[in-house]
Amino acid sequence: MKKHIISLIIICNIILFVFSIIILVNNSKPEIIEYTYIENFNRNKGIKTDDWQEYVYDKTFVNMTKEDIINLLGEPLIIMTKQTNNHLFEILDYMPSYGNSPPEQDSTHIEINITDNLVIDYRVDCMTGFFPEYLKDYFE
């Protein structure tokens, strides 16, 4: 009887070991991070509504979808994406005065954080320009 119990324990341990290896392999897939940013100035891009501040202050952006944001504000100047096993994270960057001044003279930056096509957070910063070389460490 003792031999059967020991054999059963060994078999259970082997099964647990195999399952843990399967779980480890499935969770160790590399993340895919892509950055898309504008290289040439396009004066037709930029925020297409002048009252974007109203949406920022009353938190209308939260729980909108990515398509809702693009319909409301227009195409973002910069899109950053990070794909993991289970989720797609995106950041849409807008510069409201981009159409009126070059980015190096822009002073407002809107960053909209999206997870699985749903806006989860956003922020508005004052800045004196945008430099694409900062993107490489954005998600780290």
Protein backbone atom coordinates (compact mmCIF):
# COMPACT_ATOMS: atom_id res chain seq x y z
CA MET A 1 0.00 0.00 0.00
CA LYS A 2 2.87 2.37 0.80
CA LYS A 3 4.37 1.78 -2.64
CA HIS A 4 1.09 2.76 -4.28
CA ILE A 5 0.86 5.98 -2.29
CA ILE A 6 4.46 6.88 -3.09
CA SER A 7 3.86 6.11 -6.77
CA LEU A 8 0.73 8.25 -6.75
CA ILE A 9 2.60 11.14 -5.14
CA ILE A 10 5.38 10.88 -7.73
CA ILE A 11 2.86 10.83 -10.60
CA CYS A 12 1.06 13.87 -9.16
CA ASN A 13 4.36 15.75 -8.86
CA ILE A 14 5.24 14.94 -12.45
CA ILE A 15 1.83 16.17 -13.63
CA LEU A 16 2.21 19.40 -11.63
CA PHE A 17 5.68 19.91 -13.05
CA VAL A 18 4.44 19.48 -16.63
CA PHE A 19 1.55 21.92 -16.07
CA SER A 20 3.85 24.50 -14.52
CA ILE A 21 6.18 24.30 -17.53
CA ILE A 22 3.22 24.73 -19.91
CA ILE A 23 2.03 27.79 -17.98
CA LEU A 24 5.53 29.25 -17.86
CA VAL A 25 6.03 28.83 -21.62
CA ASN A 26 2.65 30.43 -22.41
CA ASN A 27 3.38 33.45 -20.21
CA SER A 28 6.92 34.00 -21.45
CA LYS A 29 6.03 35.17 -24.96
CA PRO A 30 7.75 38.45 -25.76
CA GLU A 31 5.74 41.66 -25.74
CA ILE A 32 5.45 43.52 -29.00
CA ILE A 33 5.90 47.27 -28.77
CA GLU A 34 5.35 49.50 -31.78
CA TYR A 35 5.76 53.24 -32.06
CA THR A 36 4.24 55.22 -34.88
CA TYR A 37 4.98 58.89 -35.00
CA ILE A 38 4.83 61.60 -37.59
CA GLU A 39 8.04 62.40 -39.41
CA ASN A 40 6.81 65.07 -41.80
CA PHE A 41 4.61 67.92 -40.70
CA ASN A 42 1.08 67.67 -42.08
CA ARG A 43 -0.89 70.85 -41.46
CA ASN A 44 -4.17 69.02 -42.09
CA LYS A 45 -3.70 66.85 -39.02
CA GLY A 46 -4.37 67.92 -35.47
CA ILE A 47 -7.42 68.34 -33.29
CA LYS A 48 -10.46 69.10 -35.39
CA THR A 49 -12.65 70.55 -32.63
CA ASP A 50 -11.89 73.86 -30.91
CA ASP A 51 -13.78 72.97 -27.71
CA TRP A 52 -11.57 70.00 -26.79
CA GLN A 53 -10.97 71.57 -23.34
CA GLU A 54 -14.59 70.92 -22.37
CA TYR A 55 -14.10 67.19 -22.90
CA VAL A 56 -10.93 67.23 -20.80
CA TYR A 57 -12.41 69.09 -17.85
CA ASP A 58 -15.64 67.10 -17.51
CA LYS A 59 -13.86 63.74 -17.99
CA THR A 60 -15.90 62.85 -21.08
CA PHE A 61 -12.89 61.00 -22.51
CA VAL A 62 -12.95 58.26 -19.88
CA ASN A 63 -14.79 55.12 -21.04
CA MET A 64 -15.01 56.31 -24.64
CA THR A 65 -13.69 53.96 -27.31
CA LYS A 66 -10.71 54.66 -29.53
CA GLU A 67 -13.06 55.21 -32.48
CA ASP A 68 -15.09 57.73 -30.45
CA ILE A 69 -11.94 59.69 -29.63
CA ILE A 70 -10.78 59.72 -33.25
CA ASN A 71 -14.24 60.79 -34.43
CA LEU A 72 -14.25 63.58 -31.86
CA LEU A 73 -10.67 64.84 -32.08
CA GLY A 74 -9.40 63.56 -35.42
CA GLU A 75 -6.36 61.43 -36.15
CA PRO A 76 -3.66 61.62 -33.48
CA LEU A 77 -0.22 62.87 -34.37
CA ILE A 78 1.46 59.99 -32.55
CA ILE A 79 0.22 56.48 -31.80
CA MET A 80 2.13 54.15 -29.48
CA THR A 81 1.04 50.54 -29.05
CA LYS A 82 2.11 47.72 -26.80
CA GLN A 83 0.77 44.20 -27.41
CA THR A 84 0.96 41.66 -24.60
CA ASN A 85 -0.46 38.15 -24.43
CA ASN A 86 -3.82 39.34 -23.18
CA HIS A 87 -4.12 43.07 -23.87
CA LEU A 88 -3.51 45.82 -26.39
CA PHE A 89 -2.32 49.08 -24.84
CA GLU A 90 -2.35 52.24 -26.95
CA ILE A 91 -1.47 55.85 -26.35
CA LEU A 92 -2.83 58.54 -28.63
CA ASP A 93 -0.95 61.84 -28.58
CA TYR A 94 -2.47 65.11 -29.73
CA MET A 95 -1.07 68.62 -29.90
CA PRO A 96 -4.01 71.00 -30.22
CA SER A 97 -2.10 73.90 -31.74
CA TYR A 98 -0.09 71.70 -34.08
CA GLY A 99 -1.95 72.99 -37.12
CA ASN A 100 -1.09 76.56 -36.16
CA SER A 101 2.51 76.17 -35.04
CA PRO A 102 5.30 73.63 -35.50
CA PRO A 103 5.62 70.99 -32.74
CA GLU A 104 8.82 72.49 -31.38
CA GLN A 105 6.81 75.61 -30.51
CA ASP A 106 3.72 73.77 -29.29
CA SER A 107 2.81 74.13 -25.63
CA THR A 108 -0.02 71.65 -25.07
CA HIS A 109 0.09 67.88 -25.27
CA ILE A 110 -2.88 65.54 -24.75
CA GLU A 111 -2.09 61.91 -24.00
CA ILE A 112 -4.99 59.43 -24.09
CA ASN A 113 -4.33 55.95 -22.64
CA ILE A 114 -6.37 53.13 -24.16
CA THR A 115 -6.55 49.50 -23.08
CA ASP A 116 -8.37 47.03 -25.32
CA ASN A 117 -10.06 49.85 -27.28
CA LEU A 118 -11.41 51.62 -24.17
CA VAL A 119 -10.07 54.92 -22.82
CA ILE A 120 -8.91 54.34 -19.26
CA ASP A 121 -7.06 57.58 -18.55
CA TYR A 122 -5.75 60.77 -20.11
CA ARG A 123 -3.65 63.76 -19.21
CA VAL A 124 -2.91 67.18 -20.55
CA ASP A 125 0.60 68.57 -20.25
CA CYS A 126 2.18 71.84 -21.14
CA MET A 127 5.39 71.24 -22.97
CA THR A 128 7.73 73.05 -25.29
CA GLY A 129 8.02 70.40 -27.96
CA PHE A 130 7.95 66.71 -28.67
CA PHE A 131 11.01 64.65 -29.35
CA PRO A 132 10.48 61.16 -30.83
CA GLU A 133 13.72 59.83 -29.34
CA TYR A 134 11.98 59.79 -25.94
CA LEU A 135 9.50 57.18 -27.20
CA LYS A 136 11.85 54.22 -27.00
CA ASP A 137 11.73 54.13 -23.18
CA TYR A 138 8.08 55.08 -22.87
CA PHE A 139 6.77 51.71 -21.67
CA GLU A 140 9.76 50.79 -19.53
